[in-house]
Each structure stands twice: as C-alpha cells, then as structure tokens.
Amino acid sequence: MTRRTEWSGTDLGAVPGPGSTAEPTEGSTGPGRGAGFGEGSGRRSRSRSSGSPSSSRAEKGEPQDPVEQARNICLRLLTGTPRTRKQLADALRKREIPDEAAEEVLSRFVDVGLIDDAAFADAWVESRHHGRGLARRALVRELRTKGVDSAVIDEAVGQLDPEQEEETARELVARKLRSTRGLDRDKRLRRLAGMLARKGYGEGMALRVVRQALEAEGEDTEGLDEPF
C-alpha cells in the first residue's frame, strides 16, 4: 500500500511550473527544509550515533526521509528547466530513491501542475520547430526519447500543418543555398536535401523544395524528380 505523506504545509506554490525560469525560494528548496515532508527526521538523526553514515548525511543537511529526498531532487531538476515525468522518474531511480516514495512525489507534482507532459510537449514543438527548423518526424523522435506518451506527442505535433512545415523547409534551404554555390548541381541537391532529411523532412517534400530553390537560381533541374 502506498504510504501517504502530509503535504499541506509544503510551499509548492513557490516553485516554478513547466517553462518557468523563476527560481524557488531558499526555504522551499533547501535540503531538509520542506515543510510537511518527513516530519521528525531531525529527531531521528539526532538519536543516531555521530559516526554513522546517516548522521554524516544529516550533518551535511541531507534529508533522511526518502519522500523528502525525492521532493528536493525533483525541485532542483525543475528549477529553470521543464522536465517530463519519465525524466524525473529516471533521475530518482538513478539516485536509488525507493519506488514508493518516487511515485508519491511524482503523482503529487502532477496534481499541482509542476509536472505537465502535455505542456512540455507543446513547448518543445514550438521551440524546436521555430528555433531549429525540425519537422514532425524529428520532433516525434525527440519527444519519445523523453518518455512522452504517444497520444500527447500526436496532439503536440498536430499544431504543425504541412504548409507551415514546407515554409520552414524553404527558409532552411534559402539560408544554406549560398554556401553550396560553386558545387555541381547533383552535389548541391544531395547536400541541401540531406540537411532537410536530418531535420525530419520527408524525401518528397525535400526534393520539391530543393528543386524549386535551384530553379530560382537558374539551375537546370531536369531529371531531379527522381528520389535522391
């Protein structure tokens, strides 16, 4: 049975939500200071012998209660950088936080909005498409590696329509086109189309966009309708 910890005294409202860059207050994130987490841990640590590993951690200000440890780890990781539930779960597992304590903290953070995979995915798509020019295929691949649910990914990438993707592809080719001048036509094609492929654009769209860009420069594009 999952152990429930009293959270009512915890100042989670001072912690930034997904996408925020504001830092939590010192009192809400300092090791061992979370109100409502692991009450009595200080009394327990004082009762231990000064030479034990637990007392050494207590002297350094590290919390003894695994729920409080999990909470502090998550708050530090979320400060200034949104993360998915899976990313935080992996971090807690790496730090050997018990599964029961990790699940309790992660579920609570979801409840109060500190973990929001849908908001994370939306922001990721917006940032990576406009900032790096990534297409749907690449965005889906990245979000999967971060543990976002497939349904959430589909909804997030759905904000990109084909026309917007193609316009971004044209902008990418236009920026790269000048650096390929002086190369033969086929080499320019491979270089430009390969750049689009690495960013997740399909072969058909990449070929069409590159061919049109080369035509605008006066290149003879006859025979470029074949897949590259």
C-alpha atoms as a PDB file:
ATOM      1  CA  MET A   1       0.000   0.000   0.000  1.00  0.00           C
ATOM      2  CA  THR A   2       1.321   3.426  -0.887  1.00  0.00           C
ATOM      3  CA  ARG A   3       2.326   5.493   2.115  1.00  0.00           C
ATOM      4  CA  ARG A   4       0.715   8.913   2.091  1.00  0.00           C
ATOM      5  CA  THR A   5       2.732  11.835   3.361  1.00  0.00           C
ATOM      6  CA  GLU A   6       1.217  15.071   4.650  1.00  0.00           C
ATOM      7  CA  TRP A   7       1.750  17.745   2.002  1.00  0.00           C
ATOM      8  CA  SER A   8      -0.483  20.500   3.299  1.00  0.00           C
ATOM      9  CA  GLY A   9       2.363  22.506   4.773  1.00  0.00           C
ATOM     10  CA  THR A  10       4.543  22.281   1.650  1.00  0.00           C
ATOM     11  CA  ASP A  11       5.120  25.520  -0.179  1.00  0.00           C
ATOM     12  CA  LEU A  12       4.783  24.088  -3.675  1.00  0.00           C
ATOM     13  CA  GLY A  13       3.250  27.327  -4.899  1.00  0.00           C
ATOM     14  CA  ALA A  14       6.659  28.996  -4.715  1.00  0.00           C
ATOM     15  CA  VAL A  15       8.121  26.541  -7.210  1.00  0.00           C
ATOM     16  CA  PRO A  16       8.161  27.417 -10.948  1.00  0.00           C
ATOM     17  CA  GLY A  17       5.899  25.417 -13.206  1.00  0.00           C
ATOM     18  CA  PRO A  18       6.907  23.934 -16.568  1.00  0.00           C
ATOM     19  CA  GLY A  19       8.609  26.535 -18.730  1.00  0.00           C
ATOM     20  CA  SER A  20       9.237  28.979 -15.908  1.00  0.00           C
ATOM     21  CA  THR A  21      12.723  30.310 -15.212  1.00  0.00           C
ATOM     22  CA  ALA A  22      11.951  31.714 -11.797  1.00  0.00           C
ATOM     23  CA  GLU A  23      13.850  30.002  -9.009  1.00  0.00           C
ATOM     24  CA  PRO A  24      12.140  28.649  -5.882  1.00  0.00           C
ATOM     25  CA  THR A  25      12.731  30.449  -2.646  1.00  0.00           C
ATOM     26  CA  GLU A  26      15.527  29.242  -0.461  1.00  0.00           C
ATOM     27  CA  GLY A  27      13.169  27.957   2.167  1.00  0.00           C
ATOM     28  CA  SER A  28      11.187  25.838  -0.253  1.00  0.00           C
ATOM     29  CA  THR A  29      14.101  24.093  -1.924  1.00  0.00           C
ATOM     30  CA  GLY A  30      16.856  23.874   0.641  1.00  0.00           C
ATOM     31  CA  PRO A  31      17.771  20.329   1.655  1.00  0.00           C
ATOM     32  CA  GLY A  32      15.733  19.159   4.601  1.00  0.00           C
ATOM     33  CA  ARG A  33      13.562  22.303   4.749  1.00  0.00           C
ATOM     34  CA  GLY A  34      10.379  21.119   3.008  1.00  0.00           C
ATOM     35  CA  ALA A  35       7.501  21.617   5.439  1.00  0.00           C
ATOM     36  CA  GLY A  36       5.247  18.561   5.657  1.00  0.00           C
ATOM     37  CA  PHE A  37       7.924  16.128   4.378  1.00  0.00           C
ATOM     38  CA  GLY A  38       9.456  13.667   6.748  1.00  0.00           C
ATOM     39  CA  GLU A  39       8.499  15.432   9.975  1.00  0.00           C
ATOM     40  CA  GLY A  40      10.577  14.164  12.839  1.00  0.00           C
ATOM     41  CA  SER A  41      13.540  13.277  10.635  1.00  0.00           C
ATOM     42  CA  GLY A  42      15.639  15.731  12.618  1.00  0.00           C
ATOM     43  CA  ARG A  43      14.784  13.940  15.857  1.00  0.00           C
ATOM     44  CA  ARG A  44      15.671  10.621  14.290  1.00  0.00           C
ATOM     45  CA  SER A  45      19.002  11.887  13.030  1.00  0.00           C
ATOM     46  CA  ARG A  46      19.911  13.329  16.429  1.00  0.00           C
ATOM     47  CA  SER A  47      19.293   9.921  18.002  1.00  0.00           C
ATOM     48  CA  ARG A  48      21.816   8.203  15.719  1.00  0.00           C
ATOM     49  CA  SER A  49      25.459   7.889  16.569  1.00  0.00           C
ATOM     50  CA  SER A  50      27.656  10.640  15.188  1.00  0.00           C
ATOM     51  CA  GLY A  51      29.869   8.124  13.413  1.00  0.00           C
ATOM     52  CA  SER A  52      27.129   6.533  11.277  1.00  0.00           C
ATOM     53  CA  PRO A  53      26.696   7.322   7.560  1.00  0.00           C
ATOM     54  CA  SER A  54      23.174   8.599   8.278  1.00  0.00           C
ATOM     55  CA  SER A  55      24.398  11.085  10.847  1.00  0.00           C
ATOM     56  CA  SER A  56      27.081  12.253   8.421  1.00  0.00           C
ATOM     57  CA  ARG A  57      24.393  12.973   5.839  1.00  0.00           C
ATOM     58  CA  ALA A  58      22.327  14.767   8.460  1.00  0.00           C
ATOM     59  CA  GLU A  59      25.297  16.984   9.363  1.00  0.00           C
ATOM     60  CA  LYS A  60      25.544  17.929   5.677  1.00  0.00           C
ATOM     61  CA  GLY A  61      21.878  18.888   5.662  1.00  0.00           C
ATOM     62  CA  GLU A  62      20.713  15.974   3.510  1.00  0.00           C
ATOM     63  CA  PRO A  63      17.153  14.805   4.274  1.00  0.00           C
ATOM     64  CA  GLN A  64      16.699  11.340   5.743  1.00  0.00           C
ATOM     65  CA  ASP A  65      13.148  10.715   4.598  1.00  0.00           C
ATOM     66  CA  PRO A  66      13.041   9.249   1.041  1.00  0.00           C
ATOM     67  CA  VAL A  67       9.921  11.250   0.166  1.00  0.00           C
ATOM     68  CA  GLU A  68      11.662  14.469   1.161  1.00  0.00           C
ATOM     69  CA  GLN A  69      14.768  13.405  -0.742  1.00  0.00           C
ATOM     70  CA  ALA A  70      12.667  12.741  -3.843  1.00  0.00           C
ATOM     71  CA  ARG A  71      10.883  16.058  -3.480  1.00  0.00           C
ATOM     72  CA  ASN A  72      14.119  18.035  -3.204  1.00  0.00           C
ATOM     73  CA  ILE A  73      15.697  16.229  -6.161  1.00  0.00           C
ATOM     74  CA  CYS A  74      12.674  16.982  -8.347  1.00  0.00           C
ATOM     75  CA  LEU A  75      12.542  20.626  -7.287  1.00  0.00           C
ATOM     76  CA  ARG A  76      16.220  21.114  -8.125  1.00  0.00           C
ATOM     77  CA  LEU A  77      15.813  19.475 -11.531  1.00  0.00           C
ATOM     78  CA  LEU A  78      12.711  21.503 -12.349  1.00  0.00           C
ATOM     79  CA  THR A  79      14.262  24.833 -11.442  1.00  0.00           C
ATOM     80  CA  GLY A  80      14.531  26.746 -14.702  1.00  0.00           C
ATOM     81  CA  THR A  81      14.144  23.630 -16.882  1.00  0.00           C
ATOM     82  CA  PRO A  82      10.855  21.817 -17.557  1.00  0.00           C
ATOM     83  CA  ARG A  83      11.128  18.034 -17.499  1.00  0.00           C
ATOM     84  CA  THR A  84       8.830  15.122 -18.209  1.00  0.00           C
ATOM     85  CA  ARG A  85       7.618  12.690 -15.591  1.00  0.00           C
ATOM     86  CA  LYS A  86       9.814   9.961 -17.068  1.00  0.00           C
ATOM     87  CA  GLN A  87      12.912  12.151 -16.930  1.00  0.00           C
ATOM     88  CA  LEU A  88      12.298  12.828 -13.242  1.00  0.00           C
ATOM     89  CA  ALA A  89      11.465   9.178 -12.542  1.00  0.00           C
ATOM     90  CA  ASP A  90      14.730   8.113 -14.183  1.00  0.00           C
ATOM     91  CA  ALA A  91      16.645  10.655 -12.098  1.00  0.00           C
ATOM     92  CA  LEU A  92      15.075   9.377  -8.874  1.00  0.00           C
ATOM     93  CA  ARG A  93      15.808   5.775  -9.820  1.00  0.00           C
ATOM     94  CA  LYS A  94      19.416   6.673 -10.567  1.00  0.00           C
ATOM     95  CA  ARG A  95      19.681   8.179  -7.082  1.00  0.00           C
ATOM     96  CA  GLU A  96      18.201   4.967  -5.611  1.00  0.00           C
ATOM     97  CA  ILE A  97      15.019   6.581  -4.292  1.00  0.00           C
ATOM     98  CA  PRO A  98      12.519   3.822  -3.390  1.00  0.00           C
ATOM     99  CA  ASP A  99       9.792   3.343  -5.989  1.00  0.00           C
ATOM    100  CA  GLU A 100       7.020   4.006  -3.444  1.00  0.00           C
ATOM    101  CA  ALA A 101       8.478   7.369  -2.424  1.00  0.00           C
ATOM    102  CA  ALA A 102       9.198   8.334  -6.035  1.00  0.00           C
ATOM    103  CA  GLU A 103       5.658   7.512  -7.143  1.00  0.00           C
ATOM    104  CA  GLU A 104       4.165   9.524  -4.284  1.00  0.00           C
ATOM    105  CA  VAL A 105       6.189  12.632  -5.117  1.00  0.00           C
ATOM    106  CA  LEU A 106       5.743  12.388  -8.887  1.00  0.00           C
ATOM    107  CA  SER A 107       1.987  11.919  -8.588  1.00  0.00           C
ATOM    108  CA  ARG A 108       1.722  14.898  -6.265  1.00  0.00           C
ATOM    109  CA  PHE A 109       3.769  17.067  -8.611  1.00  0.00           C
ATOM    110  CA  VAL A 110       1.437  16.097 -11.465  1.00  0.00           C
ATOM    111  CA  ASP A 111      -1.575  17.009  -9.318  1.00  0.00           C
ATOM    112  CA  VAL A 112      -0.262  20.507  -8.573  1.00  0.00           C
ATOM    113  CA  GLY A 113       0.954  21.140 -12.136  1.00  0.00           C
ATOM    114  CA  LEU A 114       4.707  21.042 -11.571  1.00  0.00           C
ATOM    115  CA  ILE A 115       4.881  18.104 -13.983  1.00  0.00           C
ATOM    116  CA  ASP A 116       2.841  18.571 -17.163  1.00  0.00           C
ATOM    117  CA  ASP A 117       3.921  16.400 -20.082  1.00  0.00           C
ATOM    118  CA  ALA A 118       1.357  17.961 -22.428  1.00  0.00           C
ATOM    119  CA  ALA A 119       2.635  21.475 -21.752  1.00  0.00           C
ATOM    120  CA  PHE A 120       6.200  20.209 -22.081  1.00  0.00           C
ATOM    121  CA  ALA A 121       5.451  18.658 -25.482  1.00  0.00           C
ATOM    122  CA  ASP A 122       3.696  21.790 -26.767  1.00  0.00           C
ATOM    123  CA  ALA A 123       6.603  24.000 -25.716  1.00  0.00           C
ATOM    124  CA  TRP A 124       9.135  21.549 -27.165  1.00  0.00           C
ATOM    125  CA  VAL A 125       7.433  21.505 -30.567  1.00  0.00           C
ATOM    126  CA  GLU A 126       7.164  25.296 -30.649  1.00  0.00           C
ATOM    127  CA  SER A 127      10.793  25.813 -29.647  1.00  0.00           C
ATOM    128  CA  ARG A 128      12.430  23.117 -31.752  1.00  0.00           C
ATOM    129  CA  HIS A 129      10.442  23.814 -34.894  1.00  0.00           C
ATOM    130  CA  HIS A 130      10.895  27.578 -34.904  1.00  0.00           C
ATOM    131  CA  GLY A 131      14.359  27.546 -33.331  1.00  0.00           C
ATOM    132  CA  ARG A 132      15.947  24.585 -35.131  1.00  0.00           C
ATOM    133  CA  GLY A 133      13.576  24.021 -38.035  1.00  0.00           C
ATOM    134  CA  LEU A 134      12.769  20.441 -37.049  1.00  0.00           C
ATOM    135  CA  ALA A 135       9.902  18.693 -38.823  1.00  0.00           C
ATOM    136  CA  ARG A 136       7.281  16.423 -37.277  1.00  0.00           C
ATOM    137  CA  ARG A 137       9.274  13.235 -37.716  1.00  0.00           C
ATOM    138  CA  ALA A 138      12.261  14.578 -35.782  1.00  0.00           C
ATOM    139  CA  LEU A 139      10.058  16.133 -33.090  1.00  0.00           C
ATOM    140  CA  VAL A 140       8.218  12.864 -32.540  1.00  0.00           C
ATOM    141  CA  ARG A 141      11.519  11.035 -32.210  1.00  0.00           C
ATOM    142  CA  GLU A 142      12.844  13.508 -29.638  1.00  0.00           C
ATOM    143  CA  LEU A 143       9.685  13.512 -27.523  1.00  0.00           C
ATOM    144  CA  ARG A 144       9.629   9.719 -27.459  1.00  0.00           C
ATOM    145  CA  THR A 145      13.146   9.632 -26.052  1.00  0.00           C
ATOM    146  CA  LYS A 146      11.911  11.881 -23.244  1.00  0.00           C
ATOM    147  CA  GLY A 147       9.154   9.472 -22.323  1.00  0.00           C
ATOM    148  CA  VAL A 148       6.162  11.487 -23.527  1.00  0.00           C
ATOM    149  CA  ASP A 149       3.046   9.415 -24.218  1.00  0.00           C
ATOM    150  CA  SER A 150       2.256   8.787 -27.895  1.00  0.00           C
ATOM    151  CA  ALA A 151      -1.185  10.400 -27.682  1.00  0.00           C
ATOM    152  CA  VAL A 152       0.326  13.516 -26.119  1.00  0.00           C
ATOM    153  CA  ILE A 153       3.005  13.625 -28.830  1.00  0.00           C
ATOM    154  CA  ASP A 154       0.417  13.336 -31.601  1.00  0.00           C
ATOM    155  CA  GLU A 155      -1.546  16.236 -30.166  1.00  0.00           C
ATOM    156  CA  ALA A 156       1.561  18.392 -29.777  1.00  0.00           C
ATOM    157  CA  VAL A 157       2.925  17.857 -33.283  1.00  0.00           C
ATOM    158  CA  GLY A 158      -0.585  18.323 -34.649  1.00  0.00           C
ATOM    159  CA  GLN A 159      -0.085  22.055 -34.223  1.00  0.00           C
ATOM    160  CA  LEU A 160       2.266  21.928 -37.239  1.00  0.00           C
ATOM    161  CA  ASP A 161       0.384  21.854 -40.525  1.00  0.00           C
ATOM    162  CA  PRO A 162       2.019  20.725 -43.808  1.00  0.00           C
ATOM    163  CA  GLU A 163       2.084  24.260 -45.186  1.00  0.00           C
ATOM    164  CA  GLN A 164       3.976  25.532 -42.168  1.00  0.00           C
ATOM    165  CA  GLU A 165       6.447  22.659 -42.393  1.00  0.00           C
ATOM    166  CA  GLU A 166       7.105  23.333 -46.069  1.00  0.00           C
ATOM    167  CA  GLU A 167       7.591  27.044 -45.470  1.00  0.00           C
ATOM    168  CA  THR A 168      10.152  26.271 -42.765  1.00  0.00           C
ATOM    169  CA  ALA A 169      11.910  23.869 -45.154  1.00  0.00           C
ATOM    170  CA  ARG A 170      12.122  26.652 -47.754  1.00  0.00           C
ATOM    171  CA  GLU A 171      13.648  29.011 -45.196  1.00  0.00           C
ATOM    172  CA  LEU A 172      16.247  26.404 -44.238  1.00  0.00           C
ATOM    173  CA  VAL A 173      17.222  25.824 -47.870  1.00  0.00           C
ATOM    174  CA  ALA A 174      17.393  29.555 -48.578  1.00  0.00           C
ATOM    175  CA  ARG A 175      19.865  30.025 -45.698  1.00  0.00           C
ATOM    176  CA  LYS A 176      22.025  27.112 -46.842  1.00  0.00           C
ATOM    177  CA  LEU A 177      21.827  27.751 -50.589  1.00  0.00           C
ATOM    178  CA  ARG A 178      24.590  30.346 -50.805  1.00  0.00           C
ATOM    179  CA  SER A 179      27.154  28.023 -49.221  1.00  0.00           C
ATOM    180  CA  THR A 180      26.562  25.453 -51.980  1.00  0.00           C
ATOM    181  CA  ARG A 181      27.220  27.810 -54.894  1.00  0.00           C
ATOM    182  CA  GLY A 182      30.150  26.661 -56.981  1.00  0.00           C
ATOM    183  CA  LEU A 183      29.293  22.982 -56.485  1.00  0.00           C
ATOM    184  CA  ASP A 184      27.808  20.901 -59.267  1.00  0.00           C
ATOM    185  CA  ARG A 185      24.052  20.541 -59.351  1.00  0.00           C
ATOM    186  CA  ASP A 186      23.830  16.979 -58.042  1.00  0.00           C
ATOM    187  CA  LYS A 187      26.153  17.712 -55.130  1.00  0.00           C
ATOM    188  CA  ARG A 188      24.086  20.767 -54.206  1.00  0.00           C
ATOM    189  CA  LEU A 189      20.980  18.626 -54.328  1.00  0.00           C
ATOM    190  CA  ARG A 190      22.442  15.970 -52.046  1.00  0.00           C
ATOM    191  CA  ARG A 191      23.762  18.495 -49.569  1.00  0.00           C
ATOM    192  CA  LEU A 192      20.552  20.515 -49.307  1.00  0.00           C
ATOM    193  CA  ALA A 193      18.202  17.545 -49.328  1.00  0.00           C
ATOM    194  CA  GLY A 194      20.378  15.738 -46.791  1.00  0.00           C
ATOM    195  CA  MET A 195      20.170  18.730 -44.464  1.00  0.00           C
ATOM    196  CA  LEU A 196      16.376  18.616 -44.634  1.00  0.00           C
ATOM    197  CA  ALA A 197      16.313  14.840 -44.124  1.00  0.00           C
ATOM    198  CA  ARG A 198      18.362  15.157 -40.940  1.00  0.00           C
ATOM    199  CA  LYS A 199      15.779  17.598 -39.627  1.00  0.00           C
ATOM    200  CA  GLY A 200      12.973  15.139 -40.234  1.00  0.00           C
ATOM    201  CA  TYR A 201      11.558  16.278 -43.567  1.00  0.00           C
ATOM    202  CA  GLY A 202      10.219  13.637 -45.920  1.00  0.00           C
ATOM    203  CA  GLU A 203      12.002  12.791 -49.161  1.00  0.00           C
ATOM    204  CA  GLY A 204       9.226  14.098 -51.391  1.00  0.00           C
ATOM    205  CA  MET A 205       8.998  17.486 -49.704  1.00  0.00           C
ATOM    206  CA  ALA A 206      12.779  17.848 -49.501  1.00  0.00           C
ATOM    207  CA  LEU A 207      13.233  17.129 -53.200  1.00  0.00           C
ATOM    208  CA  ARG A 208      10.467  19.516 -54.209  1.00  0.00           C
ATOM    209  CA  VAL A 209      11.734  22.387 -52.061  1.00  0.00           C
ATOM    210  CA  VAL A 210      15.349  21.979 -53.184  1.00  0.00           C
ATOM    211  CA  ARG A 211      14.420  21.665 -56.854  1.00  0.00           C
ATOM    212  CA  GLN A 212      12.378  24.863 -56.703  1.00  0.00           C
ATOM    213  CA  ALA A 213      15.203  26.713 -54.953  1.00  0.00           C
ATOM    214  CA  LEU A 214      17.708  25.606 -57.590  1.00  0.00           C
ATOM    215  CA  GLU A 215      15.329  26.577 -60.408  1.00  0.00           C
ATOM    216  CA  ALA A 216      15.029  30.059 -58.891  1.00  0.00           C
ATOM    217  CA  GLU A 217      18.808  30.371 -59.285  1.00  0.00           C
ATOM    218  CA  GLY A 218      18.681  29.321 -62.914  1.00  0.00           C
ATOM    219  CA  GLU A 219      19.831  25.721 -62.434  1.00  0.00           C
ATOM    220  CA  ASP A 220      18.624  23.109 -64.926  1.00  0.00           C
ATOM    221  CA  THR A 221      16.550  20.764 -62.747  1.00  0.00           C
ATOM    222  CA  GLU A 222      15.543  18.281 -65.430  1.00  0.00           C
ATOM    223  CA  GLY A 223      15.895  14.780 -64.058  1.00  0.00           C
ATOM    224  CA  LEU A 224      15.685  15.871 -60.425  1.00  0.00           C
ATOM    225  CA  ASP A 225      12.218  14.404 -59.977  1.00  0.00           C
ATOM    226  CA  GLU A 226      13.737  11.051 -59.083  1.00  0.00           C
ATOM    227  CA  PRO A 227      14.281  10.217 -55.388  1.00  0.00           C
ATOM    228  CA  PHE A 228      17.732  11.219 -54.205  1.00  0.00           C
END
